[in-house]
Amino acid sequence: MMNPRMTGLSRQVIAGLIAELGPRWQARHRDRLATRTRRRRVGAGAKHRFGFADRLLATLVHLRHGLTHDVVAAWFGVHRSTVSRSIAEVRPLLAERGCRVHDGVRLRTLADVVGYLGQHPRALMDATEVRVRRPVEGRAGRDRFVSGKARLNTMKALVICDPAGRLLFCGETRPGSMHDLTQARTAGLVDLLLHAPLKVQVLADAGYQGLGADTAGVVITPKPKPRKHQKSLPPSVIAAHDAARKRHSSQRIRVEHVIGHLKNWRILARYHGRREHFDATIRAIAGLLSDHQHTDRTENATKPLKALPAAPHRR
């Protein structure tokens, strides 16, 4: 289970997660037992045979490959309810970590991201949609998850990264029927960017047109496509317009790559879980991806290969 192909993470990252989250899980477990009406003496009760390291690995495998709890339970040799309870306990711990930017600093909210942009003034922004389960028939607000673009029941998340493609934020999930521009406004991003330093620039796609005026030019969107009555313009003007759009697209492509890396975690290919857990799931994956991006992945490549055993002598 420590194989990087099983979790998508190196041993170094997994060891850091165990050291960081293990004490927090133990503290929450003790607090949960202390709130019960019926209390036992210290040391009494059933002992955990499925330790925190196993619970963390089961959660990582579930997130990476989108496997059902039954399959994960069969791999670890425990009951399905044990895996379900373990994922419910570990997933919030992973979601609360935020995205790593450098040693000891993590960004958890949009306010943290805007504060970070004061020292690193350029960022890329986009929204991604993930297909989710359709609400049951007859439930109020059933149509608010229907995406007008994807024509499916989806939920969308706001994604922000730096020009190098390192993830800074992923969250503020909304139903799929909400427009990208409305999502940014309801998340409070406009008010935060209005108080940002003047040198801050956030590149976004055409779905955020109008946000530049709301943020005093902080958000930069591509120029609109020429309309029918504008196609009679000189070829040089049209060529300059197309070159500006292409330049903006080439600068913004890294955020599309980040979204692709997020979708490599198969649970986000099509989310089959409860919709109320989607926000914690995608934030947990964002934190894990940011850890992976800041890990030195060349250390294994520099290790010398083990010598192969000598072939047996044949007569």
C-alpha atoms as a PDB file:
ATOM      1  CA  MET A   1       0.000   0.000   0.000  1.00  0.00           C
ATOM      2  CA  MET A   2       3.014   2.321   0.349  1.00  0.00           C
ATOM      3  CA  ASN A   3       3.679   1.937  -3.377  1.00  0.00           C
ATOM      4  CA  PRO A   4       3.258   5.378  -5.047  1.00  0.00           C
ATOM      5  CA  ARG A   5       1.023   3.786  -7.690  1.00  0.00           C
ATOM      6  CA  MET A   6      -1.516   2.908  -5.010  1.00  0.00           C
ATOM      7  CA  THR A   7      -1.820   6.351  -3.408  1.00  0.00           C
ATOM      8  CA  GLY A   8      -0.186   8.740  -5.877  1.00  0.00           C
ATOM      9  CA  LEU A   9       2.093   9.978  -3.085  1.00  0.00           C
ATOM     10  CA  SER A  10       5.680   9.269  -2.129  1.00  0.00           C
ATOM     11  CA  ARG A  11       6.716   7.583   1.117  1.00  0.00           C
ATOM     12  CA  GLN A  12       8.048  10.929   2.310  1.00  0.00           C
ATOM     13  CA  VAL A  13       4.637  12.585   1.969  1.00  0.00           C
ATOM     14  CA  ILE A  14       2.803   9.679   3.624  1.00  0.00           C
ATOM     15  CA  ALA A  15       5.240   9.656   6.546  1.00  0.00           C
ATOM     16  CA  GLY A  16       4.694  13.387   6.978  1.00  0.00           C
ATOM     17  CA  LEU A  17       0.924  12.911   6.966  1.00  0.00           C
ATOM     18  CA  ILE A  18       1.130  10.224   9.656  1.00  0.00           C
ATOM     19  CA  ALA A  19       3.310  12.412  11.858  1.00  0.00           C
ATOM     20  CA  GLU A  20       1.127  15.479  11.328  1.00  0.00           C
ATOM     21  CA  LEU A  21      -2.380  14.031  11.504  1.00  0.00           C
ATOM     22  CA  GLY A  22      -1.880  11.095  13.869  1.00  0.00           C
ATOM     23  CA  PRO A  23      -1.889  13.172  17.103  1.00  0.00           C
ATOM     24  CA  ARG A  24      -4.857  15.218  15.885  1.00  0.00           C
ATOM     25  CA  TRP A  25      -6.829  12.065  15.141  1.00  0.00           C
ATOM     26  CA  GLN A  26      -6.012  10.667  18.586  1.00  0.00           C
ATOM     27  CA  ALA A  27      -7.096  13.919  20.274  1.00  0.00           C
ATOM     28  CA  ARG A  28     -10.404  13.992  18.401  1.00  0.00           C
ATOM     29  CA  HIS A  29     -11.002  10.359  19.220  1.00  0.00           C
ATOM     30  CA  ARG A  30     -10.471  11.028  22.940  1.00  0.00           C
ATOM     31  CA  ASP A  31     -12.778  14.071  22.804  1.00  0.00           C
ATOM     32  CA  ARG A  32     -15.446  12.006  21.087  1.00  0.00           C
ATOM     33  CA  LEU A  33     -15.287   9.345  23.781  1.00  0.00           C
ATOM     34  CA  ALA A  34     -15.387  11.978  26.533  1.00  0.00           C
ATOM     35  CA  THR A  35     -18.673  13.423  25.242  1.00  0.00           C
ATOM     36  CA  ARG A  36     -20.519  10.108  25.612  1.00  0.00           C
ATOM     37  CA  THR A  37     -23.094   9.795  28.343  1.00  0.00           C
ATOM     38  CA  ARG A  38     -21.765   6.440  29.453  1.00  0.00           C
ATOM     39  CA  ARG A  39     -18.066   6.655  30.259  1.00  0.00           C
ATOM     40  CA  ARG A  40     -15.533   3.945  30.889  1.00  0.00           C
ATOM     41  CA  ARG A  41     -12.360   4.007  32.847  1.00  0.00           C
ATOM     42  CA  VAL A  42      -9.154   4.856  30.995  1.00  0.00           C
ATOM     43  CA  GLY A  43      -7.882   1.883  29.001  1.00  0.00           C
ATOM     44  CA  ALA A  44     -11.178   0.004  28.981  1.00  0.00           C
ATOM     45  CA  GLY A  45     -13.162  -0.941  25.891  1.00  0.00           C
ATOM     46  CA  ALA A  46     -12.223  -2.452  22.565  1.00  0.00           C
ATOM     47  CA  LYS A  47      -8.711  -1.870  21.265  1.00  0.00           C
ATOM     48  CA  HIS A  48      -8.082  -0.492  17.791  1.00  0.00           C
ATOM     49  CA  ARG A  49      -6.517  -3.134  15.582  1.00  0.00           C
ATOM     50  CA  PHE A  50      -6.925  -0.881  12.532  1.00  0.00           C
ATOM     51  CA  GLY A  51      -4.438   1.843  13.440  1.00  0.00           C
ATOM     52  CA  PHE A  52      -4.238   5.383  12.137  1.00  0.00           C
ATOM     53  CA  ALA A  53      -1.618   4.563   9.490  1.00  0.00           C
ATOM     54  CA  ASP A  54      -3.939   1.918   8.024  1.00  0.00           C
ATOM     55  CA  ARG A  55      -6.907   4.300   8.193  1.00  0.00           C
ATOM     56  CA  LEU A  56      -4.926   6.960   6.358  1.00  0.00           C
ATOM     57  CA  LEU A  57      -3.772   4.534   3.665  1.00  0.00           C
ATOM     58  CA  ALA A  58      -7.323   3.246   3.165  1.00  0.00           C
ATOM     59  CA  THR A  59      -8.562   6.812   2.725  1.00  0.00           C
ATOM     60  CA  LEU A  60      -5.788   7.639   0.247  1.00  0.00           C
ATOM     61  CA  VAL A  61      -6.494   4.540  -1.833  1.00  0.00           C
ATOM     62  CA  HIS A  62     -10.212   5.363  -1.854  1.00  0.00           C
ATOM     63  CA  LEU A  63      -9.551   8.934  -3.017  1.00  0.00           C
ATOM     64  CA  ARG A  64      -6.924   7.988  -5.581  1.00  0.00           C
ATOM     65  CA  HIS A  65      -8.806   5.189  -7.323  1.00  0.00           C
ATOM     66  CA  GLY A  66     -12.434   5.886  -6.419  1.00  0.00           C
ATOM     67  CA  LEU A  67     -12.909   2.343  -5.113  1.00  0.00           C
ATOM     68  CA  THR A  68     -15.958   1.355  -3.123  1.00  0.00           C
ATOM     69  CA  HIS A  69     -15.638   0.811   0.608  1.00  0.00           C
ATOM     70  CA  ASP A  70     -16.257  -2.904   0.115  1.00  0.00           C
ATOM     71  CA  VAL A  71     -13.218  -3.300  -2.138  1.00  0.00           C
ATOM     72  CA  VAL A  72     -10.958  -1.284   0.162  1.00  0.00           C
ATOM     73  CA  ALA A  73     -12.166  -3.325   3.141  1.00  0.00           C
ATOM     74  CA  ALA A  74     -11.335  -6.564   1.325  1.00  0.00           C
ATOM     75  CA  TRP A  75      -7.804  -5.311   0.620  1.00  0.00           C
ATOM     76  CA  PHE A  76      -7.185  -4.392   4.240  1.00  0.00           C
ATOM     77  CA  GLY A  77      -8.973  -7.418   5.708  1.00  0.00           C
ATOM     78  CA  VAL A  78     -11.542  -5.477   7.748  1.00  0.00           C
ATOM     79  CA  HIS A  79     -15.286  -4.889   7.629  1.00  0.00           C
ATOM     80  CA  ARG A  80     -16.803  -2.309   5.294  1.00  0.00           C
ATOM     81  CA  SER A  81     -18.165  -0.277   8.208  1.00  0.00           C
ATOM     82  CA  THR A  82     -14.615   0.085   9.563  1.00  0.00           C
ATOM     83  CA  VAL A  83     -13.430   1.583   6.279  1.00  0.00           C
ATOM     84  CA  SER A  84     -16.467   3.888   6.063  1.00  0.00           C
ATOM     85  CA  ARG A  85     -15.858   5.136   9.592  1.00  0.00           C
ATOM     86  CA  SER A  86     -12.138   5.572   8.918  1.00  0.00           C
ATOM     87  CA  ILE A  87     -12.736   7.657   5.772  1.00  0.00           C
ATOM     88  CA  ALA A  88     -15.269   9.817   7.616  1.00  0.00           C
ATOM     89  CA  GLU A  89     -12.672  10.513  10.322  1.00  0.00           C
ATOM     90  CA  VAL A  90      -9.586  11.076   8.144  1.00  0.00           C
ATOM     91  CA  ARG A  91     -11.126  13.037   5.264  1.00  0.00           C
ATOM     92  CA  PRO A  92     -11.913  16.181   7.353  1.00  0.00           C
ATOM     93  CA  LEU A  93      -8.368  16.146   8.728  1.00  0.00           C
ATOM     94  CA  LEU A  94      -6.983  16.146   5.196  1.00  0.00           C
ATOM     95  CA  ALA A  95      -9.399  18.873   4.085  1.00  0.00           C
ATOM     96  CA  GLU A  96      -8.406  21.222   6.900  1.00  0.00           C
ATOM     97  CA  ARG A  97      -4.731  21.208   5.940  1.00  0.00           C
ATOM     98  CA  GLY A  98      -5.023  23.578   2.955  1.00  0.00           C
ATOM     99  CA  CYS A  99      -2.536  23.938   0.108  1.00  0.00           C
ATOM    100  CA  ARG A 100       1.173  24.059   0.769  1.00  0.00           C
ATOM    101  CA  VAL A 101       3.194  26.947  -0.685  1.00  0.00           C
ATOM    102  CA  HIS A 102       6.503  26.567   1.176  1.00  0.00           C
ATOM    103  CA  ASP A 103       7.837  25.092   4.402  1.00  0.00           C
ATOM    104  CA  GLY A 104       5.433  25.649   7.266  1.00  0.00           C
ATOM    105  CA  VAL A 105       3.001  27.859   5.313  1.00  0.00           C
ATOM    106  CA  ARG A 106      -0.340  26.605   4.027  1.00  0.00           C
ATOM    107  CA  LEU A 107      -3.230  28.495   2.397  1.00  0.00           C
ATOM    108  CA  ARG A 108      -6.677  27.495   3.621  1.00  0.00           C
ATOM    109  CA  THR A 109      -9.000  30.362   2.592  1.00  0.00           C
ATOM    110  CA  LEU A 110      -9.300  32.908  -0.195  1.00  0.00           C
ATOM    111  CA  ALA A 111      -8.125  35.575   2.251  1.00  0.00           C
ATOM    112  CA  ASP A 112      -4.910  33.589   2.760  1.00  0.00           C
ATOM    113  CA  VAL A 113      -4.445  33.370  -1.011  1.00  0.00           C
ATOM    114  CA  VAL A 114      -4.881  37.128  -1.542  1.00  0.00           C
ATOM    115  CA  GLY A 115      -2.440  37.790   1.301  1.00  0.00           C
ATOM    116  CA  TYR A 116       0.048  35.426  -0.316  1.00  0.00           C
ATOM    117  CA  LEU A 117      -0.322  37.275  -3.633  1.00  0.00           C
ATOM    118  CA  GLY A 118       1.076  40.358  -1.918  1.00  0.00           C
ATOM    119  CA  GLN A 119       4.539  38.739  -2.196  1.00  0.00           C
ATOM    120  CA  HIS A 120       3.837  36.707  -5.356  1.00  0.00           C
ATOM    121  CA  PRO A 121       1.538  39.000  -7.343  1.00  0.00           C
ATOM    122  CA  ARG A 122       0.483  36.759 -10.233  1.00  0.00           C
ATOM    123  CA  ALA A 123      -2.017  33.904 -10.194  1.00  0.00           C
ATOM    124  CA  LEU A 124      -4.257  31.892 -12.513  1.00  0.00           C
ATOM    125  CA  MET A 125      -7.928  31.156 -11.831  1.00  0.00           C
ATOM    126  CA  ASP A 126     -10.576  28.855 -13.256  1.00  0.00           C
ATOM    127  CA  ALA A 127     -13.490  26.655 -12.176  1.00  0.00           C
ATOM    128  CA  THR A 128     -13.892  22.916 -12.677  1.00  0.00           C
ATOM    129  CA  GLU A 129     -17.053  20.815 -12.703  1.00  0.00           C
ATOM    130  CA  VAL A 130     -17.413  17.264 -11.394  1.00  0.00           C
ATOM    131  CA  ARG A 131     -20.399  15.055 -12.117  1.00  0.00           C
ATOM    132  CA  VAL A 132     -22.343  14.104  -8.979  1.00  0.00           C
ATOM    133  CA  ARG A 133     -25.368  11.993  -8.109  1.00  0.00           C
ATOM    134  CA  ARG A 134     -28.726  13.348  -9.177  1.00  0.00           C
ATOM    135  CA  PRO A 135     -31.057  14.327  -6.315  1.00  0.00           C
ATOM    136  CA  VAL A 136     -34.048  12.055  -5.771  1.00  0.00           C
ATOM    137  CA  GLU A 137     -37.279  12.875  -7.560  1.00  0.00           C
ATOM    138  CA  GLY A 138     -39.577  15.265  -5.773  1.00  0.00           C
ATOM    139  CA  ARG A 139     -36.893  16.912  -3.658  1.00  0.00           C
ATOM    140  CA  ALA A 140     -36.888  20.707  -3.613  1.00  0.00           C
ATOM    141  CA  GLY A 141     -34.090  22.363  -5.564  1.00  0.00           C
ATOM    142  CA  ARG A 142     -33.450  19.295  -7.664  1.00  0.00           C
ATOM    143  CA  ASP A 143     -32.583  21.308 -10.793  1.00  0.00           C
ATOM    144  CA  ARG A 144     -29.956  23.528  -9.204  1.00  0.00           C
ATOM    145  CA  PHE A 145     -27.246  20.922  -9.800  1.00  0.00           C
ATOM    146  CA  VAL A 146     -27.913  20.781 -13.557  1.00  0.00           C
ATOM    147  CA  SER A 147     -25.037  22.441 -15.405  1.00  0.00           C
ATOM    148  CA  GLY A 148     -26.030  24.454 -18.451  1.00  0.00           C
ATOM    149  CA  LYS A 149     -22.679  23.759 -20.103  1.00  0.00           C
ATOM    150  CA  ALA A 150     -22.196  20.088 -19.287  1.00  0.00           C
ATOM    151  CA  ARG A 151     -25.922  19.188 -19.354  1.00  0.00           C
ATOM    152  CA  LEU A 152     -25.298  16.985 -16.332  1.00  0.00           C
ATOM    153  CA  ASN A 153     -25.723  17.116 -12.569  1.00  0.00           C
ATOM    154  CA  THR A 154     -22.467  18.645 -11.380  1.00  0.00           C
ATOM    155  CA  MET A 155     -20.778  20.603  -8.631  1.00  0.00           C
ATOM    156  CA  LYS A 156     -18.042  23.125  -9.359  1.00  0.00           C
ATOM    157  CA  ALA A 157     -15.015  24.259  -7.409  1.00  0.00           C
ATOM    158  CA  LEU A 158     -12.845  27.356  -7.695  1.00  0.00           C
ATOM    159  CA  VAL A 159      -9.183  26.606  -8.533  1.00  0.00           C
ATOM    160  CA  ILE A 160      -6.296  29.084  -8.156  1.00  0.00           C
ATOM    161  CA  CYS A 161      -2.639  28.341  -8.906  1.00  0.00           C
ATOM    162  CA  ASP A 162       0.582  30.255  -9.486  1.00  0.00           C
ATOM    163  CA  PRO A 163       2.189  30.744 -12.942  1.00  0.00           C
ATOM    164  CA  ALA A 164       4.379  27.671 -12.340  1.00  0.00           C
ATOM    165  CA  GLY A 165       1.301  25.454 -11.944  1.00  0.00           C
ATOM    166  CA  ARG A 166       1.532  24.962  -8.170  1.00  0.00           C
ATOM    167  CA  LEU A 167      -1.860  24.789  -6.514  1.00  0.00           C
ATOM    168  CA  LEU A 168      -2.784  27.640  -4.164  1.00  0.00           C
ATOM    169  CA  PHE A 169      -6.484  27.040  -3.497  1.00  0.00           C
ATOM    170  CA  CYS A 170      -9.319  24.708  -4.402  1.00  0.00           C
ATOM    171  CA  GLY A 171     -12.741  24.992  -2.826  1.00  0.00           C
ATOM    172  CA  GLU A 172     -15.778  27.265  -2.523  1.00  0.00           C
ATOM    173  CA  THR A 173     -17.873  24.535  -4.115  1.00  0.00           C
ATOM    174  CA  ARG A 174     -21.244  25.490  -5.562  1.00  0.00           C
ATOM    175  CA  PRO A 175     -24.024  23.657  -7.475  1.00  0.00           C
ATOM    176  CA  GLY A 176     -23.370  23.205 -11.178  1.00  0.00           C
ATOM    177  CA  SER A 177     -26.128  25.575 -12.291  1.00  0.00           C
ATOM    178  CA  MET A 178     -24.228  28.578 -10.893  1.00  0.00           C
ATOM    179  CA  HIS A 179     -22.131  30.584 -13.359  1.00  0.00           C
ATOM    180  CA  ASP A 180     -18.388  30.867 -12.805  1.00  0.00           C
ATOM    181  CA  LEU A 181     -18.673  34.635 -12.354  1.00  0.00           C
ATOM    182  CA  THR A 182     -21.437  34.272  -9.785  1.00  0.00           C
ATOM    183  CA  GLN A 183     -19.417  31.685  -7.909  1.00  0.00           C
ATOM    184  CA  ALA A 184     -16.472  34.077  -7.578  1.00  0.00           C
ATOM    185  CA  ARG A 185     -18.733  36.877  -6.397  1.00  0.00           C
ATOM    186  CA  THR A 186     -20.598  34.802  -3.819  1.00  0.00           C
ATOM    187  CA  ALA A 187     -17.270  33.491  -2.490  1.00  0.00           C
ATOM    188  CA  GLY A 188     -16.294  37.066  -1.577  1.00  0.00           C
ATOM    189  CA  LEU A 189     -13.381  37.160  -4.011  1.00  0.00           C
ATOM    190  CA  VAL A 190     -14.316  40.602  -5.391  1.00  0.00           C
ATOM    191  CA  ASP A 191     -14.092  42.315  -1.991  1.00  0.00           C
ATOM    192  CA  LEU A 192     -10.780  40.618  -1.242  1.00  0.00           C
ATOM    193  CA  LEU A 193      -9.193  41.617  -4.553  1.00  0.00           C
ATOM    194  CA  LEU A 194     -10.357  45.224  -4.203  1.00  0.00           C
ATOM    195  CA  HIS A 195      -8.139  45.506  -1.117  1.00  0.00           C
ATOM    196  CA  ALA A 196      -5.249  43.612  -2.693  1.00  0.00           C
ATOM    197  CA  PRO A 197      -1.979  45.372  -3.625  1.00  0.00           C
ATOM    198  CA  LEU A 198      -2.034  47.228  -6.959  1.00  0.00           C
ATOM    199  CA  LYS A 199       0.531  44.916  -8.556  1.00  0.00           C
ATOM    200  CA  VAL A 200      -1.621  41.780  -8.129  1.00  0.00           C
ATOM    201  CA  GLN A 201      -2.876  40.190 -11.367  1.00  0.00           C
ATOM    202  CA  VAL A 202      -5.195  37.209 -11.717  1.00  0.00           C
ATOM    203  CA  LEU A 203      -5.580  35.686 -15.182  1.00  0.00           C
ATOM    204  CA  ALA A 204      -8.951  34.097 -15.944  1.00  0.00           C
ATOM    205  CA  ASP A 205     -10.849  32.835 -18.965  1.00  0.00           C
ATOM    206  CA  ALA A 206     -13.779  34.409 -20.788  1.00  0.00           C
ATOM    207  CA  GLY A 207     -16.238  33.045 -18.239  1.00  0.00           C
ATOM    208  CA  TYR A 208     -15.099  35.773 -15.833  1.00  0.00           C
ATOM    209  CA  GLN A 209     -15.622  38.735 -18.173  1.00  0.00           C
ATOM    210  CA  GLY A 210     -16.890  41.641 -16.116  1.00  0.00           C
ATOM    211  CA  LEU A 211     -14.901  40.671 -13.045  1.00  0.00           C
ATOM    212  CA  GLY A 212     -12.068  42.934 -14.151  1.00  0.00           C
ATOM    213  CA  ALA A 213     -14.277  46.002 -13.829  1.00  0.00           C
ATOM    214  CA  ASP A 214     -15.500  44.847 -10.413  1.00  0.00           C
ATOM    215  CA  THR A 215     -11.929  44.404  -9.125  1.00  0.00           C
ATOM    216  CA  ALA A 216     -10.378  47.570 -10.639  1.00  0.00           C
ATOM    217  CA  GLY A 217      -8.438  45.609 -13.244  1.00  0.00           C
ATOM    218  CA  VAL A 218      -6.964  42.956 -10.951  1.00  0.00           C
ATOM    219  CA  VAL A 219      -8.689  40.129 -12.863  1.00  0.00           C
ATOM    220  CA  ILE A 220      -7.579  40.003 -16.500  1.00  0.00           C
ATOM    221  CA  THR A 221      -9.738  38.194 -19.045  1.00  0.00           C
ATOM    222  CA  PRO A 222      -9.159  37.694 -22.798  1.00  0.00           C
ATOM    223  CA  LYS A 223     -10.524  40.164 -25.285  1.00  0.00           C
ATOM    224  CA  PRO A 224     -13.920  39.140 -26.688  1.00  0.00           C
ATOM    225  CA  LYS A 225     -14.034  37.500 -30.080  1.00  0.00           C
ATOM    226  CA  PRO A 226     -14.726  39.878 -32.999  1.00  0.00           C
ATOM    227  CA  ARG A 227     -18.391  40.181 -33.827  1.00  0.00           C
ATOM    228  CA  LYS A 228     -19.902  39.975 -37.284  1.00  0.00           C
ATOM    229  CA  HIS A 229     -19.785  43.708 -37.916  1.00  0.00           C
ATOM    230  CA  GLN A 230     -16.151  43.809 -36.767  1.00  0.00           C
ATOM    231  CA  LYS A 231     -14.864  41.238 -39.248  1.00  0.00           C
ATOM    232  CA  SER A 232     -14.395  43.975 -41.837  1.00  0.00           C
ATOM    233  CA  LEU A 233     -11.497  45.393 -39.821  1.00  0.00           C
ATOM    234  CA  PRO A 234      -8.022  45.488 -41.382  1.00  0.00           C
ATOM    235  CA  PRO A 235      -6.173  42.145 -41.291  1.00  0.00           C
ATOM    236  CA  SER A 236      -3.433  43.620 -39.124  1.00  0.00           C
ATOM    237  CA  VAL A 237      -5.966  44.560 -36.416  1.00  0.00           C
ATOM    238  CA  ILE A 238      -7.555  41.112 -36.500  1.00  0.00           C
ATOM    239  CA  ALA A 239      -4.112  39.438 -36.360  1.00  0.00           C
ATOM    240  CA  ALA A 240      -3.108  41.546 -33.332  1.00  0.00           C
ATOM    241  CA  HIS A 241      -6.403  40.662 -31.636  1.00  0.00           C
ATOM    242  CA  ASP A 242      -5.888  36.931 -32.241  1.00  0.00           C
ATOM    243  CA  ALA A 243      -2.288  37.144 -31.032  1.00  0.00           C
ATOM    244  CA  ALA A 244      -3.398  38.807 -27.787  1.00  0.00           C
ATOM    245  CA  ARG A 245      -5.974  36.065 -27.170  1.00  0.00           C
ATOM    246  CA  LYS A 246      -3.422  33.357 -27.895  1.00  0.00           C
ATOM    247  CA  ARG A 247      -0.876  34.992 -25.582  1.00  0.00           C
ATOM    248  CA  HIS A 248      -3.426  35.113 -22.769  1.00  0.00           C
ATOM    249  CA  SER A 249      -4.377  31.484 -23.347  1.00  0.00           C
ATOM    250  CA  SER A 250      -0.755  30.315 -23.305  1.00  0.00           C
ATOM    251  CA  GLN A 251      -0.159  32.113 -19.992  1.00  0.00           C
ATOM    252  CA  ARG A 252      -3.308  30.650 -18.443  1.00  0.00           C
ATOM    253  CA  ILE A 253      -2.851  27.048 -19.596  1.00  0.00           C
ATOM    254  CA  ARG A 254      -1.134  25.998 -16.362  1.00  0.00           C
ATOM    255  CA  VAL A 255      -4.384  26.174 -14.398  1.00  0.00           C
ATOM    256  CA  GLU A 256      -5.915  23.729 -16.899  1.00  0.00           C
ATOM    257  CA  HIS A 257      -3.013  21.385 -16.214  1.00  0.00           C
ATOM    258  CA  VAL A 258      -3.654  21.681 -12.470  1.00  0.00           C
ATOM    259  CA  ILE A 259      -7.306  20.749 -12.995  1.00  0.00           C
ATOM    260  CA  GLY A 260      -6.143  17.744 -14.991  1.00  0.00           C
ATOM    261  CA  HIS A 261      -3.891  16.670 -12.105  1.00  0.00           C
ATOM    262  CA  LEU A 262      -6.856  16.966  -9.735  1.00  0.00           C
ATOM    263  CA  LYS A 263      -8.942  14.741 -12.006  1.00  0.00           C
ATOM    264  CA  ASN A 264      -6.169  12.118 -11.904  1.00  0.00           C
ATOM    265  CA  TRP A 265      -7.638  11.233  -8.519  1.00  0.00           C
ATOM    266  CA  ARG A 266     -10.329   8.965  -9.886  1.00  0.00           C
ATOM    267  CA  ILE A 267     -12.926   9.824  -7.276  1.00  0.00           C
ATOM    268  CA  LEU A 268     -13.260  13.216  -9.034  1.00  0.00           C
ATOM    269  CA  ALA A 269     -13.804  11.664 -12.456  1.00  0.00           C
ATOM    270  CA  ARG A 270     -17.396  11.077 -11.361  1.00  0.00           C
ATOM    271  CA  TYR A 271     -18.228  11.583  -7.722  1.00  0.00           C
ATOM    272  CA  HIS A 272     -20.545   8.844  -6.420  1.00  0.00           C
ATOM    273  CA  GLY A 273     -20.503   9.905  -2.765  1.00  0.00           C
ATOM    274  CA  ARG A 274     -22.858  12.178  -0.877  1.00  0.00           C
ATOM    275  CA  ARG A 275     -22.897  15.720  -2.251  1.00  0.00           C
ATOM    276  CA  GLU A 276     -22.452  17.252   1.195  1.00  0.00           C
ATOM    277  CA  HIS A 277     -19.053  15.535   1.412  1.00  0.00           C
ATOM    278  CA  PHE A 278     -17.832  16.767  -1.973  1.00  0.00           C
ATOM    279  CA  ASP A 279     -16.301  19.984  -0.620  1.00  0.00           C
ATOM    280  CA  ALA A 280     -14.201  18.144   1.964  1.00  0.00           C
ATOM    281  CA  THR A 281     -13.177  15.571  -0.636  1.00  0.00           C
ATOM    282  CA  ILE A 282     -11.868  18.028  -3.220  1.00  0.00           C
ATOM    283  CA  ARG A 283     -10.127  20.156  -0.582  1.00  0.00           C
ATOM    284  CA  ALA A 284      -8.430  17.051   0.802  1.00  0.00           C
ATOM    285  CA  ILE A 285      -7.205  16.092  -2.667  1.00  0.00           C
ATOM    286  CA  ALA A 286      -5.997  19.654  -3.287  1.00  0.00           C
ATOM    287  CA  GLY A 287      -3.886  19.562  -0.131  1.00  0.00           C
ATOM    288  CA  LEU A 288      -2.406  16.195  -1.090  1.00  0.00           C
ATOM    289  CA  LEU A 289      -1.646  17.395  -4.624  1.00  0.00           C
ATOM    290  CA  SER A 290       0.114  20.498  -3.306  1.00  0.00           C
ATOM    291  CA  ASP A 291       2.269  18.266  -1.079  1.00  0.00           C
ATOM    292  CA  HIS A 292       3.116  16.127  -4.081  1.00  0.00           C
ATOM    293  CA  GLN A 293       4.057  19.201  -6.130  1.00  0.00           C
ATOM    294  CA  HIS A 294       6.522  20.364  -3.467  1.00  0.00           C
ATOM    295  CA  THR A 295       8.150  16.954  -3.021  1.00  0.00           C
ATOM    296  CA  ASP A 296      11.562  16.332  -4.521  1.00  0.00           C
ATOM    297  CA  ARG A 297      10.683  13.510  -6.892  1.00  0.00           C
ATOM    298  CA  THR A 298      14.228  13.262  -8.252  1.00  0.00           C
ATOM    299  CA  GLU A 299      15.581  11.638  -5.097  1.00  0.00           C
ATOM    300  CA  ASN A 300      14.429   8.185  -6.170  1.00  0.00           C
ATOM    301  CA  ALA A 301      15.833   8.677  -9.661  1.00  0.00           C
ATOM    302  CA  THR A 302      19.305   9.412  -8.287  1.00  0.00           C
ATOM    303  CA  LYS A 303      19.473   6.272  -6.178  1.00  0.00           C
ATOM    304  CA  PRO A 304      21.755   3.559  -7.631  1.00  0.00           C
ATOM    305  CA  LEU A 305      19.993   0.541  -9.012  1.00  0.00           C
ATOM    306  CA  LYS A 306      20.408  -2.744  -7.213  1.00  0.00           C
ATOM    307  CA  ALA A 307      22.592  -5.241  -8.976  1.00  0.00           C
ATOM    308  CA  LEU A 308      20.727  -8.115 -10.577  1.00  0.00           C
ATOM    309  CA  PRO A 309      21.541 -11.623  -9.344  1.00  0.00           C
ATOM    310  CA  ALA A 310      23.927 -13.557 -11.526  1.00  0.00           C
ATOM    311  CA  ALA A 311      22.301 -15.932 -13.950  1.00  0.00           C
ATOM    312  CA  PRO A 312      22.802 -19.632 -13.116  1.00  0.00           C
ATOM    313  CA  HIS A 313      25.507 -21.376 -15.137  1.00  0.00           C
ATOM    314  CA  ARG A 314      24.184 -23.758 -17.729  1.00  0.00           C
ATOM    315  CA  ARG A 315      26.160 -26.662 -19.014  1.00  0.00           C
END
